C-alpha atoms as a PDB file:
ATOM      1  CA  MET A   1     -15.277 -24.871  -4.655  1.00  0.00           C
ATOM      2  CA  SER A   2     -15.455 -21.574  -2.837  1.00  0.00           C
ATOM      3  CA  SER A   3     -15.054 -17.936  -3.746  1.00  0.00           C
ATOM      4  CA  SER A   4     -13.291 -15.204  -1.777  1.00  0.00           C
ATOM      5  CA  GLU A   5     -12.550 -11.502  -2.219  1.00  0.00           C
ATOM      6  CA  ALA A   6      -9.606  -9.365  -1.182  1.00  0.00           C
ATOM      7  CA  SER A   7      -9.786  -5.599  -1.407  1.00  0.00           C
ATOM      8  CA  ALA A   8      -7.441  -2.661  -0.948  1.00  0.00           C
ATOM      9  CA  VAL A   9      -9.261   0.556  -0.100  1.00  0.00           C
ATOM     10  CA  GLY A  10      -7.947   4.052  -0.691  1.00  0.00           C
ATOM     11  CA  SER A  11      -9.609   7.377   0.040  1.00  0.00           C
ATOM     12  CA  GLY A  12      -9.266  10.990  -0.965  1.00  0.00           C
ATOM     13  CA  HIS A  13     -10.047  13.901   1.315  1.00  0.00           C
ATOM     14  CA  GLY A  14      -9.811  17.633   1.782  1.00  0.00           C
ATOM     15  CA  HIS A  15      -9.531  19.799   4.852  1.00  0.00           C
ATOM     16  CA  GLY A  16     -13.028  21.101   5.627  1.00  0.00           C
ATOM     17  CA  ASP A  17     -15.097  20.321   8.696  1.00  0.00           C
ATOM     18  CA  GLY A  18     -17.817  17.781   8.060  1.00  0.00           C
ATOM     19  CA  GLU A  19     -16.134  16.703   4.829  1.00  0.00           C
ATOM     20  CA  VAL A  20     -17.317  13.651   2.931  1.00  0.00           C
ATOM     21  CA  LEU A  21     -14.726  10.990   2.124  1.00  0.00           C
ATOM     22  CA  THR A  22     -15.361   8.676  -0.807  1.00  0.00           C
ATOM     23  CA  ALA A  23     -13.686   5.307  -1.209  1.00  0.00           C
ATOM     24  CA  SER A  24     -12.988   2.863  -3.995  1.00  0.00           C
ATOM     25  CA  ALA A  25     -12.035  -0.790  -3.800  1.00  0.00           C
ATOM     26  CA  ILE A  26      -9.780  -2.962  -5.934  1.00  0.00           C
ATOM     27  CA  VAL A  27     -11.446  -6.370  -5.732  1.00  0.00           C
ATOM     28  CA  ALA A  28      -9.625  -9.550  -6.708  1.00  0.00           C
ATOM     29  CA  GLU A  29     -11.993 -12.491  -7.022  1.00  0.00           C
ATOM     30  CA  ALA A  30     -10.498 -15.944  -6.560  1.00  0.00           C
ATOM     31  CA  VAL A  31     -11.782 -19.483  -6.952  1.00  0.00           C
ATOM     32  CA  THR A  32     -10.205 -22.427  -5.166  1.00  0.00           C
ATOM     33  CA  GLY A  33     -10.300 -26.122  -5.921  1.00  0.00           C
ATOM     34  CA  SER A  34      -8.457 -29.369  -5.220  1.00  0.00           C
ATOM     35  CA  HIS A  35      -7.648 -32.631  -6.952  1.00  0.00           C
ATOM     36  CA  VAL A  36      -6.181 -35.822  -5.484  1.00  0.00           C
ATOM     37  CA  LEU A  37      -3.968 -38.009  -7.664  1.00  0.00           C
ATOM     38  CA  GLU A  38      -3.779 -41.598  -6.396  1.00  0.00           C
ATOM     39  CA  ILE A  39      -0.863 -43.730  -7.635  1.00  0.00           C
ATOM     40  CA  LYS A  40      -1.864 -47.357  -7.118  1.00  0.00           C
ATOM     41  CA  GLY A  41       1.004 -49.779  -7.664  1.00  0.00           C
ATOM     42  CA  TYR A  42       3.595 -47.135  -6.759  1.00  0.00           C
ATOM     43  CA  SER A  43       6.516 -49.580  -7.056  1.00  0.00           C
ATOM     44  CA  LEU A  44       5.474 -50.551 -10.566  1.00  0.00           C
ATOM     45  CA  SER A  45       5.459 -46.924 -11.706  1.00  0.00           C
ATOM     46  CA  LYS A  46       9.188 -46.620 -10.984  1.00  0.00           C
ATOM     47  CA  GLY A  47      11.427 -47.308 -13.922  1.00  0.00           C
ATOM     48  CA  LEU A  48       9.213 -45.504 -16.380  1.00  0.00           C
ATOM     49  CA  GLY A  49      12.275 -43.469 -17.293  1.00  0.00           C
ATOM     50  CA  ASN A  50      13.716 -40.059 -16.586  1.00  0.00           C
ATOM     51  CA  GLY A  51      11.637 -37.331 -18.225  1.00  0.00           C
ATOM     52  CA  LYS A  52       8.641 -39.651 -18.692  1.00  0.00           C
ATOM     53  CA  PHE A  53       5.336 -38.826 -17.009  1.00  0.00           C
ATOM     54  CA  VAL A  54       1.851 -40.112 -16.379  1.00  0.00           C
ATOM     55  CA  ARG A  55      -0.973 -37.595 -16.432  1.00  0.00           C
ATOM     56  CA  SER A  56      -4.044 -37.454 -14.239  1.00  0.00           C
ATOM     57  CA  SER A  57      -7.565 -37.081 -15.490  1.00  0.00           C
ATOM     58  CA  THR A  58      -8.636 -33.488 -16.183  1.00  0.00           C
ATOM     59  CA  PHE A  59     -10.488 -31.426 -13.597  1.00  0.00           C
ATOM     60  CA  SER A  60     -11.999 -27.942 -13.597  1.00  0.00           C
ATOM     61  CA  VAL A  61     -11.134 -24.971 -11.374  1.00  0.00           C
ATOM     62  CA  GLY A  62     -12.073 -21.349 -12.064  1.00  0.00           C
ATOM     63  CA  GLY A  63     -13.650 -22.112 -15.430  1.00  0.00           C
ATOM     64  CA  HIS A  64     -10.457 -23.767 -16.779  1.00  0.00           C
ATOM     65  CA  ARG A  65      -9.475 -27.417 -17.231  1.00  0.00           C
ATOM     66  CA  TRP A  66      -6.315 -28.685 -15.530  1.00  0.00           C
ATOM     67  CA  CYS A  67      -4.338 -31.889 -15.109  1.00  0.00           C
ATOM     68  CA  ILE A  68      -1.311 -33.134 -13.140  1.00  0.00           C
ATOM     69  CA  ARG A  69       1.832 -34.598 -14.678  1.00  0.00           C
ATOM     70  CA  TYR A  70       3.542 -37.167 -12.444  1.00  0.00           C
ATOM     71  CA  PHE A  71       7.229 -37.992 -13.145  1.00  0.00           C
ATOM     72  CA  PRO A  72       8.132 -41.110 -11.049  1.00  0.00           C
ATOM     73  CA  ASP A  73      11.810 -40.932 -12.121  1.00  0.00           C
ATOM     74  CA  GLY A  74      12.161 -37.156 -12.200  1.00  0.00           C
ATOM     75  CA  GLN A  75      11.688 -34.684 -15.013  1.00  0.00           C
ATOM     76  CA  THR A  76      15.388 -33.998 -15.693  1.00  0.00           C
ATOM     77  CA  SER A  77      18.607 -35.985 -15.402  1.00  0.00           C
ATOM     78  CA  ASP A  78      19.800 -34.145 -12.286  1.00  0.00           C
ATOM     79  CA  CYS A  79      16.690 -35.168 -10.347  1.00  0.00           C
ATOM     80  CA  ALA A  80      16.530 -38.853 -11.307  1.00  0.00           C
ATOM     81  CA  ASP A  81      16.180 -39.855  -7.625  1.00  0.00           C
ATOM     82  CA  TRP A  82      13.246 -37.545  -7.073  1.00  0.00           C
ATOM     83  CA  ILE A  83       9.557 -37.465  -7.902  1.00  0.00           C
ATOM     84  CA  SER A  84       8.571 -34.463 -10.030  1.00  0.00           C
ATOM     85  CA  VAL A  85       5.033 -33.056 -10.230  1.00  0.00           C
ATOM     86  CA  PHE A  86       3.604 -30.304 -12.441  1.00  0.00           C
ATOM     87  CA  LEU A  87       0.271 -28.540 -12.731  1.00  0.00           C
ATOM     88  CA  VAL A  88      -0.799 -28.156 -16.361  1.00  0.00           C
ATOM     89  CA  LEU A  89      -3.372 -25.819 -17.877  1.00  0.00           C
ATOM     90  CA  ASP A  90      -5.064 -28.363 -20.119  1.00  0.00           C
ATOM     91  CA  HIS A  91      -7.496 -25.912 -21.665  1.00  0.00           C
ATOM     92  CA  ALA A  92      -8.191 -22.230 -20.985  1.00  0.00           C
ATOM     93  CA  ALA A  93     -11.570 -20.566 -21.436  1.00  0.00           C
ATOM     94  CA  ASP A  94      -9.728 -17.991 -23.567  1.00  0.00           C
ATOM     95  CA  ASP A  95      -6.286 -18.972 -24.882  1.00  0.00           C
ATOM     96  CA  SER A  96      -5.417 -15.329 -25.492  1.00  0.00           C
ATOM     97  CA  VAL A  97      -5.593 -14.501 -21.756  1.00  0.00           C
ATOM     98  CA  ASP A  98      -3.034 -15.539 -19.155  1.00  0.00           C
ATOM     99  CA  VAL A  99      -4.450 -17.453 -16.190  1.00  0.00           C
ATOM    100  CA  LYS A 100      -3.043 -16.487 -12.787  1.00  0.00           C
ATOM    101  CA  ALA A 101      -3.002 -19.270 -10.207  1.00  0.00           C
ATOM    102  CA  GLN A 102      -1.292 -20.268  -6.989  1.00  0.00           C
ATOM    103  CA  PHE A 103      -0.904 -23.952  -6.252  1.00  0.00           C
ATOM    104  CA  GLN A 104       0.314 -26.430  -3.675  1.00  0.00           C
ATOM    105  CA  PHE A 105       1.313 -30.089  -3.939  1.00  0.00           C
ATOM    106  CA  SER A 106       1.336 -32.306  -0.858  1.00  0.00           C
ATOM    107  CA  VAL A 107       1.492 -35.992   0.034  1.00  0.00           C
ATOM    108  CA  LEU A 108      -1.535 -37.105   2.066  1.00  0.00           C
ATOM    109  CA  ASP A 109      -1.385 -39.221   5.210  1.00  0.00           C
ATOM    110  CA  ASN A 110      -3.805 -41.994   6.153  1.00  0.00           C
ATOM    111  CA  ILE A 111      -6.452 -39.490   7.308  1.00  0.00           C
ATOM    112  CA  ASN A 112      -6.177 -37.387   4.153  1.00  0.00           C
ATOM    113  CA  GLU A 113      -4.206 -34.566   5.780  1.00  0.00           C
ATOM    114  CA  PRO A 114      -1.234 -32.927   4.005  1.00  0.00           C
ATOM    115  CA  VAL A 115       2.182 -33.987   5.292  1.00  0.00           C
ATOM    116  CA  PRO A 116       4.289 -30.860   5.941  1.00  0.00           C
ATOM    117  CA  ARG A 117       7.484 -32.810   5.240  1.00  0.00           C
ATOM    118  CA  PHE A 118       6.315 -33.567   1.708  1.00  0.00           C
ATOM    119  CA  ARG A 119       4.647 -30.332   0.716  1.00  0.00           C
ATOM    120  CA  GLN A 120       5.591 -27.634  -1.801  1.00  0.00           C
ATOM    121  CA  ARG A 121       3.617 -24.478  -2.443  1.00  0.00           C
ATOM    122  CA  SER A 122       4.037 -21.364  -4.547  1.00  0.00           C
ATOM    123  CA  LEU A 123       4.260 -18.055  -2.706  1.00  0.00           C
ATOM    124  CA  MET A 124       3.062 -16.021  -5.675  1.00  0.00           C
ATOM    125  CA  ALA A 125       0.605 -16.623  -8.482  1.00  0.00           C
ATOM    126  CA  SER A 126       2.113 -18.203 -11.590  1.00  0.00           C
ATOM    127  CA  SER A 127       1.050 -17.171 -15.069  1.00  0.00           C
ATOM    128  CA  PHE A 128      -0.307 -20.023 -17.198  1.00  0.00           C
ATOM    129  CA  SER A 129      -0.630 -19.282 -20.914  1.00  0.00           C
ATOM    130  CA  ALA A 130      -0.681 -20.929 -24.326  1.00  0.00           C
ATOM    131  CA  LYS A 131       3.131 -20.601 -24.425  1.00  0.00           C
ATOM    132  CA  ASN A 132       3.764 -21.810 -20.868  1.00  0.00           C
ATOM    133  CA  ARG A 133       1.049 -24.188 -19.743  1.00  0.00           C
ATOM    134  CA  SER A 134       2.819 -25.946 -16.844  1.00  0.00           C
ATOM    135  CA  TRP A 135       4.409 -25.036 -13.517  1.00  0.00           C
ATOM    136  CA  GLY A 136       5.640 -27.380 -10.823  1.00  0.00           C
ATOM    137  CA  TYR A 137       8.482 -28.898  -8.807  1.00  0.00           C
ATOM    138  CA  ILE A 138      11.244 -31.018 -10.294  1.00  0.00           C
ATOM    139  CA  LYS A 139      12.328 -32.050  -6.778  1.00  0.00           C
ATOM    140  CA  PHE A 140       9.007 -32.539  -5.066  1.00  0.00           C
ATOM    141  CA  ALA A 141       9.940 -35.555  -2.906  1.00  0.00           C
ATOM    142  CA  GLU A 142      13.060 -37.717  -2.703  1.00  0.00           C
ATOM    143  CA  ARG A 143      12.041 -41.285  -3.515  1.00  0.00           C
ATOM    144  CA  LYS A 144      14.230 -42.999  -0.888  1.00  0.00           C
ATOM    145  CA  THR A 145      12.982 -40.739   1.910  1.00  0.00           C
ATOM    146  CA  LEU A 146       9.385 -41.132   0.800  1.00  0.00           C
ATOM    147  CA  GLU A 147       9.592 -44.931   0.555  1.00  0.00           C
ATOM    148  CA  GLU A 148      11.059 -45.173   4.070  1.00  0.00           C
ATOM    149  CA  SER A 149       8.121 -43.207   5.459  1.00  0.00           C
ATOM    150  CA  VAL A 150       4.635 -44.505   6.301  1.00  0.00           C
ATOM    151  CA  TYR A 151       3.005 -42.527   3.517  1.00  0.00           C
ATOM    152  CA  VAL A 152       3.418 -45.164   0.808  1.00  0.00           C
ATOM    153  CA  LYS A 153       0.942 -47.663   2.190  1.00  0.00           C
ATOM    154  CA  ASP A 154      -0.198 -50.825   0.429  1.00  0.00           C
ATOM    155  CA  ASP A 155       1.938 -49.716  -2.514  1.00  0.00           C
ATOM    156  CA  CYS A 156      -0.269 -46.646  -2.887  1.00  0.00           C
ATOM    157  CA  LEU A 157       0.722 -42.959  -2.882  1.00  0.00           C
ATOM    158  CA  ARG A 158      -1.722 -40.055  -2.834  1.00  0.00           C
ATOM    159  CA  ILE A 159      -0.763 -36.534  -3.908  1.00  0.00           C
ATOM    160  CA  LYS A 160      -3.113 -33.597  -3.520  1.00  0.00           C
ATOM    161  CA  CYS A 161      -3.017 -30.416  -5.589  1.00  0.00           C
ATOM    162  CA  ASP A 162      -4.708 -27.288  -4.214  1.00  0.00           C
ATOM    163  CA  ILE A 163      -5.297 -24.452  -6.694  1.00  0.00           C
ATOM    164  CA  THR A 164      -6.403 -20.834  -6.258  1.00  0.00           C
ATOM    165  CA  VAL A 165      -7.287 -19.160  -9.559  1.00  0.00           C
ATOM    166  CA  THR A 166      -7.565 -15.377  -9.867  1.00  0.00           C
ATOM    167  CA  LYS A 167     -10.799 -14.979 -11.760  1.00  0.00           C
ATOM    168  CA  ASN A 168     -10.834 -11.220 -12.418  1.00  0.00           C
ATOM    169  CA  ILE A 169      -9.795  -7.893 -10.916  1.00  0.00           C
ATOM    170  CA  ARG A 170     -12.101  -4.905 -10.980  1.00  0.00           C
ATOM    171  CA  THR A 171     -12.384  -1.480  -9.405  1.00  0.00           C
ATOM    172  CA  GLU A 172     -15.507  -0.455  -7.565  1.00  0.00           C
ATOM    173  CA  ALA A 173     -15.710   3.336  -7.391  1.00  0.00           C
ATOM    174  CA  ALA A 174     -17.497   5.346  -4.732  1.00  0.00           C
ATOM    175  CA  THR A 175     -18.714   2.260  -2.919  1.00  0.00           C
ATOM    176  CA  HIS A 176     -18.872   4.007   0.441  1.00  0.00           C
ATOM    177  CA  GLN A 177     -19.138   7.511   1.831  1.00  0.00           C
ATOM    178  CA  PHE A 178     -17.858   8.501   5.243  1.00  0.00           C
ATOM    179  CA  VAL A 179     -18.733  11.786   6.962  1.00  0.00           C
ATOM    180  CA  VAL A 180     -15.951  13.115   9.165  1.00  0.00           C
ATOM    181  CA  VAL A 181     -17.576  14.480  12.317  1.00  0.00           C
ATOM    182  CA  PRO A 182     -16.016  17.831  13.317  1.00  0.00           C
ATOM    183  CA  PRO A 183     -15.137  18.620  16.950  1.00  0.00           C
ATOM    184  CA  SER A 184     -18.075  19.637  19.108  1.00  0.00           C
ATOM    185  CA  GLU A 185     -18.992  23.340  18.996  1.00  0.00           C
ATOM    186  CA  MET A 186     -21.590  23.057  21.731  1.00  0.00           C
ATOM    187  CA  HIS A 187     -19.614  25.282  24.125  1.00  0.00           C
ATOM    188  CA  GLN A 188     -19.449  27.990  21.446  1.00  0.00           C
ATOM    189  CA  HIS A 189     -23.169  27.752  20.763  1.00  0.00           C
ATOM    190  CA  PHE A 190     -24.043  28.063  24.443  1.00  0.00           C
ATOM    191  CA  GLY A 191     -21.553  30.919  24.767  1.00  0.00           C
ATOM    192  CA  ARG A 192     -23.359  32.819  21.991  1.00  0.00           C
ATOM    193  CA  LEU A 193     -26.679  32.002  23.626  1.00  0.00           C
ATOM    194  CA  LEU A 194     -25.432  33.681  26.798  1.00  0.00           C
ATOM    195  CA  SER A 195     -23.674  36.686  25.249  1.00  0.00           C
ATOM    196  CA  THR A 196     -26.407  37.622  22.774  1.00  0.00           C
ATOM    197  CA  ALA A 197     -29.375  36.567  24.931  1.00  0.00           C
ATOM    198  CA  GLU A 198     -30.729  34.546  22.004  1.00  0.00           C
ATOM    199  CA  GLY A 199     -33.920  32.695  22.740  1.00  0.00           C
ATOM    200  CA  THR A 200     -36.122  33.324  25.734  1.00  0.00           C
ATOM    201  CA  THR A 201     -34.278  34.054  28.993  1.00  0.00           C
ATOM    202  CA  ASP A 202     -36.591  33.081  31.825  1.00  0.00           C
ATOM    203  CA  ILE A 203     -34.586  34.176  34.864  1.00  0.00           C
ATOM    204  CA  THR A 204     -32.686  37.353  35.811  1.00  0.00           C
ATOM    205  CA  PHE A 205     -30.088  37.667  38.557  1.00  0.00           C
ATOM    206  CA  GLU A 206     -29.344  40.981  40.234  1.00  0.00           C
ATOM    207  CA  VAL A 207     -25.779  41.022  41.553  1.00  0.00           C
ATOM    208  CA  ALA A 208     -24.241  44.196  43.036  1.00  0.00           C
ATOM    209  CA  GLY A 209     -26.597  46.352  41.011  1.00  0.00           C
ATOM    210  CA  GLU A 210     -26.010  44.560  37.671  1.00  0.00           C
ATOM    211  CA  MET A 211     -28.580  42.429  35.863  1.00  0.00           C
ATOM    212  CA  PHE A 212     -27.696  39.036  34.346  1.00  0.00           C
ATOM    213  CA  PRO A 213     -30.368  37.299  32.205  1.00  0.00           C
ATOM    214  CA  ALA A 214     -30.002  33.523  31.952  1.00  0.00           C
ATOM    215  CA  HIS A 215     -31.796  30.284  31.171  1.00  0.00           C
ATOM    216  CA  ARG A 216     -33.076  28.155  34.006  1.00  0.00           C
ATOM    217  CA  CYS A 217     -32.565  24.829  32.256  1.00  0.00           C
ATOM    218  CA  VAL A 218     -28.901  25.562  31.489  1.00  0.00           C
ATOM    219  CA  LEU A 219     -28.092  26.574  35.066  1.00  0.00           C
ATOM    220  CA  ALA A 220     -30.016  23.656  36.553  1.00  0.00           C
ATOM    221  CA  SER A 221     -28.366  21.122  34.267  1.00  0.00           C
ATOM    222  CA  ARG A 222     -24.925  22.128  35.558  1.00  0.00           C
ATOM    223  CA  SER A 223     -25.603  22.795  39.244  1.00  0.00           C
ATOM    224  CA  SER A 224     -27.621  20.766  41.742  1.00  0.00           C
ATOM    225  CA  VAL A 225     -28.052  23.924  43.825  1.00  0.00           C
ATOM    226  CA  PHE A 226     -29.592  25.813  40.913  1.00  0.00           C
ATOM    227  CA  MET A 227     -31.733  22.747  40.144  1.00  0.00           C
ATOM    228  CA  ALA A 228     -33.180  22.740  43.670  1.00  0.00           C
ATOM    229  CA  ASP A 229     -33.604  26.517  43.713  1.00  0.00           C
ATOM    230  CA  LEU A 230     -35.190  26.923  40.283  1.00  0.00           C
ATOM    231  CA  PHE A 231     -37.146  23.673  39.847  1.00  0.00           C
ATOM    232  CA  GLY A 232     -37.252  21.830  43.163  1.00  0.00           C
ATOM    233  CA  SER A 233     -39.237  22.203  46.344  1.00  0.00           C
ATOM    234  CA  MET A 234     -36.903  25.067  47.366  1.00  0.00           C
ATOM    235  CA  LYS A 235     -37.940  27.264  44.434  1.00  0.00           C
ATOM    236  CA  LYS A 236     -39.034  30.776  45.395  1.00  0.00           C
ATOM    237  CA  LYS A 237     -42.245  32.542  44.517  1.00  0.00           C
ATOM    238  CA  ALA A 238     -40.462  35.186  42.424  1.00  0.00           C
ATOM    239  CA  LYS A 239     -39.877  32.895  39.488  1.00  0.00           C
ATOM    240  CA  ASP A 240     -38.215  35.330  37.123  1.00  0.00           C
ATOM    241  CA  HIS A 241     -35.900  37.278  39.437  1.00  0.00           C
ATOM    242  CA  ARG A 242     -33.164  36.443  41.935  1.00  0.00           C
ATOM    243  CA  ARG A 243     -31.032  38.821  43.981  1.00  0.00           C
ATOM    244  CA  ILE A 244     -27.577  37.800  45.178  1.00  0.00           C
ATOM    245  CA  ASP A 245     -26.061  40.128  47.791  1.00  0.00           C
ATOM    246  CA  ASP A 246     -22.850  38.358  48.831  1.00  0.00           C
ATOM    247  CA  MET A 247     -21.005  38.076  45.521  1.00  0.00           C
ATOM    248  CA  GLU A 248     -19.235  40.498  43.195  1.00  0.00           C
ATOM    249  CA  ALA A 249     -20.803  41.014  39.805  1.00  0.00           C
ATOM    250  CA  ARG A 250     -17.619  40.072  37.934  1.00  0.00           C
ATOM    251  CA  VAL A 251     -17.348  36.831  39.908  1.00  0.00           C
ATOM    252  CA  PHE A 252     -20.948  35.875  39.154  1.00  0.00           C
ATOM    253  CA  LYS A 253     -20.420  36.742  35.488  1.00  0.00           C
ATOM    254  CA  ALA A 254     -17.314  34.509  35.326  1.00  0.00           C
ATOM    255  CA  MET A 255     -19.157  31.652  37.042  1.00  0.00           C
ATOM    256  CA  VAL A 256     -22.102  31.829  34.650  1.00  0.00           C
ATOM    257  CA  HIS A 257     -19.678  31.987  31.711  1.00  0.00           C
ATOM    258  CA  PHE A 258     -18.113  28.720  32.893  1.00  0.00           C
ATOM    259  CA  ILE A 259     -21.539  27.125  33.368  1.00  0.00           C
ATOM    260  CA  TYR A 260     -22.440  27.880  29.723  1.00  0.00           C
ATOM    261  CA  THR A 261     -19.056  27.232  28.064  1.00  0.00           C
ATOM    262  CA  ASP A 262     -17.126  24.932  30.424  1.00  0.00           C
ATOM    263  CA  ALA A 263     -14.204  27.375  30.109  1.00  0.00           C
ATOM    264  CA  MET A 264     -12.834  30.330  32.044  1.00  0.00           C
ATOM    265  CA  PRO A 265     -13.295  33.843  30.614  1.00  0.00           C
ATOM    266  CA  GLU A 266     -10.233  35.876  29.662  1.00  0.00           C
ATOM    267  CA  MET A 267      -8.942  38.238  32.372  1.00  0.00           C
ATOM    268  CA  ASP A 268      -7.370  41.604  31.526  1.00  0.00           C
ATOM    269  CA  LYS A 269      -4.991  41.795  34.482  1.00  0.00           C
ATOM    270  CA  GLU A 270      -3.107  39.082  36.340  1.00  0.00           C
ATOM    271  CA  GLU A 271      -4.048  40.762  39.596  1.00  0.00           C
ATOM    272  CA  ASP A 272      -7.758  40.649  38.768  1.00  0.00           C
ATOM    273  CA  ALA A 273      -7.487  37.060  37.602  1.00  0.00           C
ATOM    274  CA  PHE A 274      -6.036  36.007  40.957  1.00  0.00           C
ATOM    275  CA  VAL A 275      -8.713  37.800  43.002  1.00  0.00           C
ATOM    276  CA  ILE A 276     -11.576  36.530  40.847  1.00  0.00           C
ATOM    277  CA  THR A 277     -10.184  32.999  40.984  1.00  0.00           C
ATOM    278  CA  GLN A 278     -10.163  33.081  44.781  1.00  0.00           C
ATOM    279  CA  HIS A 279     -13.814  34.139  44.857  1.00  0.00           C
ATOM    280  CA  LEU A 280     -14.715  31.619  42.150  1.00  0.00           C
ATOM    281  CA  LEU A 281     -13.447  28.803  44.352  1.00  0.00           C
ATOM    282  CA  VAL A 282     -15.929  29.910  47.006  1.00  0.00           C
ATOM    283  CA  ALA A 283     -18.728  30.239  44.436  1.00  0.00           C
ATOM    284  CA  ALA A 284     -17.941  26.806  42.959  1.00  0.00           C
ATOM    285  CA  ASP A 285     -18.325  25.219  46.374  1.00  0.00           C
ATOM    286  CA  ARG A 286     -21.518  27.157  47.104  1.00  0.00           C
ATOM    287  CA  TYR A 287     -23.230  26.123  43.864  1.00  0.00           C
ATOM    288  CA  ASP A 288     -21.786  22.589  43.748  1.00  0.00           C
ATOM    289  CA  LEU A 289     -19.785  23.220  40.554  1.00  0.00           C
ATOM    290  CA  GLU A 290     -17.198  20.494  40.952  1.00  0.00           C
ATOM    291  CA  ARG A 291     -15.782  20.905  37.455  1.00  0.00           C
ATOM    292  CA  LEU A 292     -15.150  24.588  38.093  1.00  0.00           C
ATOM    293  CA  SER A 293     -13.407  23.979  41.416  1.00  0.00           C
ATOM    294  CA  LEU A 294     -11.182  21.255  39.948  1.00  0.00           C
ATOM    295  CA  LYS A 295     -10.387  23.463  36.973  1.00  0.00           C
ATOM    296  CA  LEU A 296      -9.211  26.213  39.319  1.00  0.00           C
ATOM    297  CA  LEU A 297      -7.259  23.829  41.528  1.00  0.00           C
ATOM    298  CA  GLN A 298      -5.206  22.697  38.525  1.00  0.00           C
ATOM    299  CA  SER A 299      -3.158  25.905  38.850  1.00  0.00           C
ATOM    300  CA  PRO A 300      -0.350  25.164  41.364  1.00  0.00           C
ATOM    301  CA  CYS A 301       1.077  28.692  40.997  1.00  0.00           C
ATOM    302  CA  LEU A 302      -2.253  30.197  42.039  1.00  0.00           C
ATOM    303  CA  LEU A 303      -2.370  28.077  45.180  1.00  0.00           C
ATOM    304  CA  LYS A 304       1.241  28.754  46.103  1.00  0.00           C
ATOM    305  CA  THR A 305       0.619  32.514  45.912  1.00  0.00           C
ATOM    306  CA  ALA A 306      -2.735  32.360  47.682  1.00  0.00           C
ATOM    307  CA  MET A 307      -1.875  30.127  50.632  1.00  0.00           C
ATOM    308  CA  PRO A 308      -0.017  32.767  52.736  1.00  0.00           C
ATOM    309  CA  THR A 309      -2.892  35.290  52.479  1.00  0.00           C
ATOM    310  CA  GLU A 310      -5.725  35.935  54.942  1.00  0.00           C
ATOM    311  CA  GLY A 311      -8.205  35.498  52.127  1.00  0.00           C
ATOM    312  CA  PHE A 312      -7.056  31.953  51.653  1.00  0.00           C
ATOM    313  CA  ASP A 313      -7.617  31.183  55.333  1.00  0.00           C
ATOM    314  CA  HIS A 314     -11.150  32.523  54.947  1.00  0.00           C
ATOM    315  CA  PHE A 315     -11.612  30.381  51.855  1.00  0.00           C
ATOM    316  CA  ILE A 316     -10.542  27.227  53.716  1.00  0.00           C
ATOM    317  CA  SER A 317     -12.909  27.936  56.606  1.00  0.00           C
ATOM    318  CA  SER A 318     -15.829  28.746  54.324  1.00  0.00           C
ATOM    319  CA  CYS A 319     -15.262  25.855  51.887  1.00  0.00           C
ATOM    320  CA  PRO A 320     -14.364  22.763  53.960  1.00  0.00           C
ATOM    321  CA  SER A 321     -15.474  20.413  51.177  1.00  0.00           C
ATOM    322  CA  LEU A 322     -12.515  21.523  49.040  1.00  0.00           C
ATOM    323  CA  ILE A 323      -9.797  20.834  51.625  1.00  0.00           C
ATOM    324  CA  LYS A 324      -9.444  17.252  50.386  1.00  0.00           C
ATOM    325  CA  GLU A 325      -8.987  18.389  46.766  1.00  0.00           C
ATOM    326  CA  LEU A 326      -6.395  20.947  47.847  1.00  0.00           C
ATOM    327  CA  MET A 327      -4.340  18.300  49.625  1.00  0.00           C
ATOM    328  CA  LEU A 328      -4.280  16.216  46.433  1.00  0.00           C
ATOM    329  CA  VAL A 329      -2.897  19.022  44.294  1.00  0.00           C
ATOM    330  CA  LYS A 330       0.868  19.338  44.078  1.00  0.00           C
ATOM    331  CA  VAL A 331       2.016  22.885  44.565  1.00  0.00           C
ATOM    332  CA  GLY A 332       4.910  23.336  42.150  1.00  0.00           C
ATOM    333  CA  ALA A 333       7.293  26.172  41.473  1.00  0.00           C
ATOM    334  CA  CYS A 334       6.045  28.949  39.184  1.00  0.00           C
ATOM    335  CA  PRO A 335       7.772  29.043  35.814  1.00  0.00           C
END
């Protein structure tokens, strides 16, 4: 005999980040068992009489004793040409409690496999009690059809009964806890690190007269050019100061903001946004910031407006590595 469990899990939850979800399980334990009834001298069993039965020996499944009632001439008058079979609760561990069980009757072939043609099974568990101890099939198999088959061999018929008994149902509370992981706030943390200069800034950039403190490791992790400049063989002797003469301060500030947050800063005017974006494309190519350049190239309206200008021609000539990306972007109509 074997034991199996089926569970239905439900959970309750709120709406906070990092919330803990608890779960409970409704567990139905079941025990299965089988019994084979062998009718030797099948032909002699016929004629016993309608409504008359022969019972099997008792067997145990799920802590209860059972038996099979075999009606060779049918249980009732309207099934006199059929074999009837019933599963009977012979003795319950507690007569005051109903026993839930699913069952299946089947004729066995010569290799002890159930024959689908002669098989009946319950789809739901039946309730066996002191008042109703038996459940079964009054028309299990038609005698004529069965006798013409190969399954009554040497005047012997074998019928198997498979039973699944529901042993008990219980609820297991708070069996598991699941922590819901909130969306990453890393970009916000790095943004605060940049805006408030928290921690130790170990590099300062002077751009058009303005000073921009930063962190070497952050810049180097995002740009191969910064990596070579700040940590590689190209690094300069002045380790804590860099001066950039060919870039506007607002463009450098926007580029560094993207490096820390992976997002573009808000622009006050559409006109400024367009100009800064043009210069950022050049800066992205210069510092090998592929994510920044692709982010900017996702704006078809920007490209459509920029293409007729002299500045755009300068951009193309100064940033040849981005020509391929530009050709892949569809320039659509502005909304």
